[in-house]
Amino acid sequence: MEFIRDYRHFIEVGCPSCGRKHTVQKGRYNISPQGYEFHAVLNCPCGQSASTAGKGKRTWAFKSENNEFMKRNKATSIKIMLVIGFTILFIASEMFYMFHTQEEEKKSAEHEVKTEASSHLSVLNLYKL
């Protein structure tokens, strides 16, 4: 068998005869300088059996690793785009709130000036009488 990939809870090995992939759970193999030594013989349906898996270079192992790398890059890009989007949304809402508050304060100040002016006029009218 040839080593393909090491996952957290198992390793994936491939049969050199038929190319079929097999998984071996963590704890059912030992790591050696040559590769992996299985506690029990691994039998493939094509008739091959092996007690070790060497770290040979196969093209499909590289493709699998490359595909995983691409998936990680895509996920990271999506996360970055979400953060940027939420940041823009937050800034836009803060600017809307700030401008809306300024308009309300301006209207309130104009209203106070008008009410003060009208109260002053009514006081002057009372003195004229």
N, C-alpha and C. Protein backbone atom coordinates (compact mmCIF):
# COMPACT_ATOMS: atom_id res chain seq x y z
N MET A 1 0.85 -1.18 0.00
CA MET A 1 0.00 0.00 0.00
C MET A 1 0.89 1.24 0.00
N GLU A 2 0.35 2.32 -0.56
CA GLU A 2 1.08 3.58 -0.60
C GLU A 2 0.30 4.64 0.15
N PHE A 3 1.02 5.40 0.93
CA PHE A 3 0.42 6.47 1.72
C PHE A 3 -0.11 7.57 0.80
N ILE A 4 -1.34 8.05 1.10
CA ILE A 4 -1.92 9.15 0.32
C ILE A 4 -1.96 10.41 1.15
N ARG A 5 -2.64 10.32 2.30
CA ARG A 5 -2.84 11.53 3.09
C ARG A 5 -3.09 11.19 4.55
N ASP A 6 -2.64 12.09 5.43
CA ASP A 6 -2.83 11.94 6.86
C ASP A 6 -3.92 12.90 7.32
N TYR A 7 -5.03 12.36 7.77
CA TYR A 7 -6.09 13.17 8.36
C TYR A 7 -5.88 13.15 9.87
N ARG A 8 -6.71 13.83 10.60
CA ARG A 8 -6.52 13.88 12.05
C ARG A 8 -6.80 12.56 12.74
N HIS A 9 -7.84 11.86 12.29
CA HIS A 9 -8.24 10.65 12.99
C HIS A 9 -7.96 9.37 12.20
N PHE A 10 -7.43 9.49 11.01
CA PHE A 10 -7.11 8.32 10.20
C PHE A 10 -6.14 8.71 9.09
N ILE A 11 -5.57 7.69 8.46
CA ILE A 11 -4.74 7.92 7.28
C ILE A 11 -5.44 7.27 6.09
N GLU A 12 -5.11 7.77 4.92
CA GLU A 12 -5.66 7.20 3.70
C GLU A 12 -4.50 6.59 2.92
N VAL A 13 -4.68 5.33 2.50
CA VAL A 13 -3.66 4.63 1.74
C VAL A 13 -4.31 4.11 0.45
N GLY A 14 -3.48 3.89 -0.55
CA GLY A 14 -3.99 3.40 -1.83
C GLY A 14 -3.32 2.11 -2.24
N CYS A 15 -4.09 1.28 -2.91
CA CYS A 15 -3.58 0.00 -3.41
C CYS A 15 -2.80 0.27 -4.70
N PRO A 16 -1.55 -0.22 -4.80
CA PRO A 16 -0.76 0.03 -6.01
C PRO A 16 -1.28 -0.75 -7.22
N SER A 17 -2.05 -1.81 -7.00
CA SER A 17 -2.55 -2.62 -8.12
C SER A 17 -3.79 -2.00 -8.75
N CYS A 18 -4.81 -1.75 -7.95
CA CYS A 18 -6.08 -1.27 -8.50
C CYS A 18 -6.32 0.22 -8.26
N GLY A 19 -5.56 0.84 -7.37
CA GLY A 19 -5.71 2.27 -7.09
C GLY A 19 -6.82 2.59 -6.11
N ARG A 20 -7.46 1.58 -5.54
CA ARG A 20 -8.54 1.80 -4.59
C ARG A 20 -7.97 2.40 -3.30
N LYS A 21 -8.73 3.33 -2.72
CA LYS A 21 -8.30 3.99 -1.48
C LYS A 21 -8.90 3.29 -0.26
N HIS A 22 -8.10 3.21 0.80
CA HIS A 22 -8.52 2.60 2.06
C HIS A 22 -8.18 3.57 3.19
N THR A 23 -8.98 3.52 4.25
CA THR A 23 -8.70 4.35 5.42
C THR A 23 -8.32 3.44 6.58
N VAL A 24 -7.35 3.90 7.37
CA VAL A 24 -6.91 3.17 8.55
C VAL A 24 -7.04 4.12 9.73
N GLN A 25 -7.81 3.72 10.73
CA GLN A 25 -8.07 4.55 11.89
C GLN A 25 -6.81 4.78 12.72
N LYS A 26 -6.77 5.93 13.36
CA LYS A 26 -5.65 6.25 14.25
C LYS A 26 -5.64 5.24 15.39
N GLY A 27 -4.48 4.77 15.76
CA GLY A 27 -4.35 3.76 16.80
C GLY A 27 -4.22 2.37 16.23
N ARG A 28 -4.48 2.21 14.93
CA ARG A 28 -4.34 0.91 14.29
C ARG A 28 -3.10 0.85 13.41
N TYR A 29 -2.21 1.81 13.59
CA TYR A 29 -0.95 1.83 12.85
C TYR A 29 0.11 2.53 13.69
N ASN A 30 1.36 2.26 13.37
CA ASN A 30 2.51 2.94 13.98
C ASN A 30 3.29 3.63 12.86
N ILE A 31 3.89 4.76 13.21
CA ILE A 31 4.69 5.49 12.23
C ILE A 31 6.13 5.01 12.33
N SER A 32 6.71 4.68 11.17
CA SER A 32 8.10 4.23 11.11
C SER A 32 8.84 5.10 10.10
N PRO A 33 10.17 5.00 10.05
CA PRO A 33 10.93 5.79 9.07
C PRO A 33 10.56 5.45 7.62
N GLN A 34 10.13 4.24 7.35
CA GLN A 34 9.77 3.85 5.99
C GLN A 34 8.34 4.27 5.62
N GLY A 35 7.50 4.52 6.60
CA GLY A 35 6.11 4.87 6.34
C GLY A 35 5.24 4.53 7.54
N TYR A 36 4.21 3.72 7.30
CA TYR A 36 3.27 3.34 8.35
C TYR A 36 3.19 1.82 8.43
N GLU A 37 3.21 1.30 9.67
CA GLU A 37 3.10 -0.14 9.91
C GLU A 37 1.74 -0.40 10.55
N PHE A 38 0.92 -1.25 9.88
CA PHE A 38 -0.42 -1.55 10.39
C PHE A 38 -0.36 -2.63 11.45
N HIS A 39 -1.25 -2.54 12.43
CA HIS A 39 -1.33 -3.57 13.47
C HIS A 39 -1.90 -4.86 12.90
N ALA A 40 -2.82 -4.75 11.95
CA ALA A 40 -3.40 -5.92 11.29
C ALA A 40 -3.17 -5.76 9.78
N VAL A 41 -3.10 -6.89 9.08
CA VAL A 41 -2.88 -6.87 7.64
C VAL A 41 -4.10 -6.25 6.97
N LEU A 42 -3.84 -5.35 6.01
CA LEU A 42 -4.91 -4.69 5.28
C LEU A 42 -5.10 -5.42 3.96
N ASN A 43 -6.32 -5.95 3.73
CA ASN A 43 -6.62 -6.71 2.52
C ASN A 43 -7.48 -5.87 1.58
N CYS A 44 -7.07 -5.82 0.31
CA CYS A 44 -7.81 -5.10 -0.71
C CYS A 44 -8.70 -6.10 -1.45
N PRO A 45 -9.87 -5.72 -1.94
CA PRO A 45 -10.73 -6.64 -2.69
C PRO A 45 -10.08 -7.19 -3.97
N CYS A 46 -9.05 -6.51 -4.47
CA CYS A 46 -8.39 -7.01 -5.69
C CYS A 46 -7.44 -8.17 -5.38
N GLY A 47 -7.22 -8.48 -4.10
CA GLY A 47 -6.37 -9.60 -3.72
C GLY A 47 -5.06 -9.18 -3.08
N GLN A 48 -4.69 -7.93 -3.17
CA GLN A 48 -3.45 -7.44 -2.55
C GLN A 48 -3.65 -7.35 -1.03
N SER A 49 -2.59 -7.62 -0.30
CA SER A 49 -2.61 -7.43 1.15
C SER A 49 -1.29 -6.79 1.55
N ALA A 50 -1.35 -5.96 2.59
CA ALA A 50 -0.14 -5.26 3.01
C ALA A 50 -0.21 -5.00 4.50
N SER A 51 0.97 -4.97 5.12
CA SER A 51 1.05 -4.63 6.53
C SER A 51 1.76 -3.29 6.73
N THR A 52 2.21 -2.70 5.63
CA THR A 52 2.86 -1.38 5.69
C THR A 52 2.37 -0.51 4.54
N ALA A 53 2.57 0.78 4.71
CA ALA A 53 2.28 1.74 3.64
C ALA A 53 3.48 2.64 3.50
N GLY A 54 4.08 2.65 2.32
CA GLY A 54 5.24 3.50 2.07
C GLY A 54 4.80 4.88 1.63
N LYS A 55 5.70 5.80 1.77
CA LYS A 55 5.40 7.18 1.38
C LYS A 55 5.87 7.42 -0.05
N GLY A 56 5.27 6.72 -0.99
CA GLY A 56 5.61 6.91 -2.40
C GLY A 56 4.89 8.14 -2.94
N LYS A 57 5.46 8.71 -4.02
CA LYS A 57 4.84 9.89 -4.63
C LYS A 57 3.92 9.43 -5.74
N ARG A 58 2.65 9.78 -5.59
CA ARG A 58 1.65 9.48 -6.61
C ARG A 58 1.00 10.78 -7.03
N THR A 59 0.62 10.86 -8.29
CA THR A 59 0.04 12.11 -8.79
C THR A 59 -1.29 12.42 -8.13
N TRP A 60 -2.12 11.41 -7.83
CA TRP A 60 -3.42 11.70 -7.26
C TRP A 60 -3.30 12.17 -5.82
N ALA A 61 -2.22 11.83 -5.13
CA ALA A 61 -2.01 12.37 -3.78
C ALA A 61 -1.73 13.86 -3.87
N PHE A 62 -0.94 14.26 -4.86
CA PHE A 62 -0.63 15.68 -5.03
C PHE A 62 -1.89 16.46 -5.42
N LYS A 63 -2.71 15.89 -6.31
CA LYS A 63 -3.94 16.56 -6.71
C LYS A 63 -4.86 16.74 -5.51
N SER A 64 -4.93 15.75 -4.66
CA SER A 64 -5.78 15.85 -3.48
C SER A 64 -5.31 16.96 -2.56
N GLU A 65 -4.00 17.05 -2.35
CA GLU A 65 -3.46 18.10 -1.50
C GLU A 65 -3.66 19.46 -2.14
N ASN A 66 -3.49 19.56 -3.46
CA ASN A 66 -3.68 20.82 -4.16
C ASN A 66 -5.14 21.26 -4.08
N ASN A 67 -6.06 20.32 -4.23
CA ASN A 67 -7.48 20.62 -4.14
C ASN A 67 -7.84 21.14 -2.74
N GLU A 68 -7.28 20.51 -1.73
CA GLU A 68 -7.53 20.96 -0.35
C GLU A 68 -7.00 22.37 -0.14
N PHE A 69 -5.84 22.67 -0.72
CA PHE A 69 -5.26 24.00 -0.63
C PHE A 69 -6.17 25.03 -1.29
N MET A 70 -6.74 24.68 -2.44
CA MET A 70 -7.65 25.58 -3.15
C MET A 70 -8.91 25.82 -2.33
N LYS A 71 -9.42 24.78 -1.67
CA LYS A 71 -10.62 24.94 -0.84
C LYS A 71 -10.34 25.88 0.32
N ARG A 72 -9.16 25.75 0.93
CA ARG A 72 -8.80 26.64 2.04
C ARG A 72 -8.70 28.07 1.56
N ASN A 73 -8.10 28.30 0.38
CA ASN A 73 -7.98 29.65 -0.16
C ASN A 73 -9.34 30.25 -0.44
N LYS A 74 -10.26 29.44 -0.97
CA LYS A 74 -11.61 29.91 -1.27
C LYS A 74 -12.33 30.27 0.01
N ALA A 75 -12.22 29.45 1.03
CA ALA A 75 -12.88 29.74 2.31
C ALA A 75 -12.31 31.01 2.93
N THR A 76 -11.01 31.18 2.87
CA THR A 76 -10.39 32.39 3.41
C THR A 76 -10.85 33.62 2.65
N SER A 77 -10.94 33.51 1.33
CA SER A 77 -11.39 34.65 0.52
C SER A 77 -12.82 35.02 0.87
N ILE A 78 -13.67 34.04 1.06
CA ILE A 78 -15.07 34.31 1.42
C ILE A 78 -15.14 34.99 2.78
N LYS A 79 -14.35 34.53 3.73
CA LYS A 79 -14.34 35.16 5.05
C LYS A 79 -13.88 36.61 4.97
N ILE A 80 -12.85 36.86 4.19
CA ILE A 80 -12.34 38.23 4.05
C ILE A 80 -13.40 39.12 3.39
N MET A 81 -14.08 38.59 2.37
CA MET A 81 -15.13 39.37 1.71
C MET A 81 -16.27 39.67 2.67
N LEU A 82 -16.64 38.72 3.53
CA LEU A 82 -17.69 38.98 4.51
C LEU A 82 -17.28 40.05 5.50
N VAL A 83 -16.05 39.99 5.97
CA VAL A 83 -15.57 41.00 6.92
C VAL A 83 -15.58 42.39 6.27
N ILE A 84 -15.11 42.47 5.04
CA ILE A 84 -15.10 43.77 4.34
C ILE A 84 -16.53 44.26 4.13
N GLY A 85 -17.43 43.36 3.74
CA GLY A 85 -18.82 43.74 3.53
C GLY A 85 -19.48 44.26 4.79
N PHE A 86 -19.28 43.55 5.91
CA PHE A 86 -19.86 44.01 7.17
C PHE A 86 -19.24 45.32 7.63
N THR A 87 -17.96 45.51 7.36
CA THR A 87 -17.30 46.77 7.73
C THR A 87 -17.90 47.93 6.93
N ILE A 88 -18.11 47.73 5.65
CA ILE A 88 -18.70 48.78 4.81
C ILE A 88 -20.13 49.06 5.28
N LEU A 89 -20.89 48.03 5.58
CA LEU A 89 -22.25 48.20 6.08
C LEU A 89 -22.26 48.97 7.39
N PHE A 90 -21.34 48.67 8.29
CA PHE A 90 -21.26 49.36 9.57
C PHE A 90 -20.93 50.84 9.37
N ILE A 91 -19.95 51.12 8.52
CA ILE A 91 -19.56 52.52 8.27
C ILE A 91 -20.71 53.29 7.63
N ALA A 92 -21.41 52.65 6.67
CA ALA A 92 -22.53 53.33 6.00
C ALA A 92 -23.65 53.62 7.00
N SER A 93 -23.95 52.69 7.89
CA SER A 93 -25.01 52.92 8.86
C SER A 93 -24.61 54.01 9.86
N GLU A 94 -23.35 54.05 10.25
CA GLU A 94 -22.88 55.10 11.16
C GLU A 94 -22.95 56.47 10.49
N MET A 95 -22.58 56.53 9.21
CA MET A 95 -22.64 57.81 8.50
C MET A 95 -24.09 58.26 8.33
N PHE A 96 -25.01 57.33 8.03
CA PHE A 96 -26.42 57.67 7.92
C PHE A 96 -26.94 58.20 9.25
N TYR A 97 -26.59 57.52 10.33
CA TYR A 97 -27.02 57.96 11.65
C TYR A 97 -26.47 59.35 11.97
N MET A 98 -25.20 59.57 11.64
CA MET A 98 -24.56 60.85 11.93
C MET A 98 -25.24 61.98 11.15
N PHE A 99 -25.47 61.77 9.84
CA PHE A 99 -26.11 62.81 9.04
C PHE A 99 -27.56 63.02 9.45
N HIS A 100 -28.26 61.95 9.77
CA HIS A 100 -29.65 62.05 10.20
C HIS A 100 -29.74 62.81 11.53
N THR A 101 -28.81 62.54 12.43
CA THR A 101 -28.78 63.23 13.72
C THR A 101 -28.50 64.72 13.53
N GLN A 102 -27.57 65.03 12.62
CA GLN A 102 -27.25 66.44 12.37
C GLN A 102 -28.47 67.18 11.80
N GLU A 103 -29.21 66.54 10.89
CA GLU A 103 -30.40 67.17 10.33
C GLU A 103 -31.45 67.39 11.41
N GLU A 104 -31.63 66.41 12.27
CA GLU A 104 -32.62 66.54 13.34
C GLU A 104 -32.22 67.65 14.31
N GLU A 105 -30.92 67.74 14.62
CA GLU A 105 -30.46 68.81 15.51
C GLU A 105 -30.67 70.17 14.87
N LYS A 106 -30.44 70.26 13.56
CA LYS A 106 -30.62 71.52 12.84
C LYS A 106 -32.10 71.92 12.85
N LYS A 107 -32.98 70.95 12.59
CA LYS A 107 -34.42 71.23 12.61
C LYS A 107 -34.87 71.64 14.01
N SER A 108 -34.33 70.98 15.01
CA SER A 108 -34.69 71.30 16.39
C SER A 108 -34.23 72.70 16.75
N ALA A 109 -33.02 73.06 16.33
CA ALA A 109 -32.50 74.40 16.62
C ALA A 109 -33.34 75.46 15.90
N GLU A 110 -33.73 75.21 14.64
CA GLU A 110 -34.57 76.15 13.91
C GLU A 110 -35.93 76.31 14.59
N HIS A 111 -36.47 75.22 15.07
CA HIS A 111 -37.76 75.27 15.75
C HIS A 111 -37.66 76.10 17.04
N GLU A 112 -36.57 75.91 17.78
CA GLU A 112 -36.38 76.68 19.02
C GLU A 112 -36.24 78.16 18.73
N VAL A 113 -35.51 78.49 17.66
CA VAL A 113 -35.35 79.90 17.29
C VAL A 113 -36.71 80.50 16.93
N LYS A 114 -37.52 79.78 16.16
CA LYS A 114 -38.84 80.27 15.77
C LYS A 114 -39.74 80.45 16.99
N THR A 115 -39.71 79.49 17.91
CA THR A 115 -40.58 79.61 19.09
C THR A 115 -40.12 80.74 19.98
N GLU A 116 -38.82 80.95 20.11
CA GLU A 116 -38.31 82.07 20.91
C GLU A 116 -38.69 83.39 20.26
N ALA A 117 -38.55 83.45 18.94
CA ALA A 117 -38.90 84.70 18.23
C ALA A 117 -40.38 84.99 18.39
N SER A 118 -41.21 83.96 18.26
CA SER A 118 -42.64 84.20 18.40
C SER A 118 -43.01 84.57 19.83
N SER A 119 -42.32 84.00 20.80
CA SER A 119 -42.60 84.36 22.20
C SER A 119 -42.15 85.79 22.48
N HIS A 120 -41.01 86.22 21.89
CA HIS A 120 -40.57 87.59 22.05
C HIS A 120 -41.55 88.56 21.40
N LEU A 121 -42.07 88.16 20.24
CA LEU A 121 -43.05 89.02 19.57
C LEU A 121 -44.33 89.13 20.38
N SER A 122 -44.75 88.04 20.98
CA SER A 122 -45.98 88.09 21.77
C SER A 122 -45.77 88.92 23.04
N VAL A 123 -44.57 88.88 23.60
CA VAL A 123 -44.27 89.70 24.78
C VAL A 123 -44.28 91.18 24.37
N LEU A 124 -43.69 91.50 23.21
CA LEU A 124 -43.69 92.89 22.73
C LEU A 124 -45.11 93.38 22.44
N ASN A 125 -45.91 92.51 21.92
CA ASN A 125 -47.30 92.86 21.64
C ASN A 125 -48.05 93.15 22.93
N LEU A 126 -47.74 92.43 23.99
CA LEU A 126 -48.40 92.66 25.27
C LEU A 126 -47.99 94.02 25.84
N TYR A 127 -46.73 94.41 25.67
CA TYR A 127 -46.26 95.69 26.19
C TYR A 127 -46.88 96.85 25.40
N LYS A 128 -47.13 96.61 24.12
CA LYS A 128 -47.73 97.68 23.30
C LYS A 128 -49.17 97.93 23.71
N LEU A 129 -49.82 96.93 24.18
CA LEU A 129 -51.22 97.11 24.58
C LEU A 129 -51.26 97.90 25.82
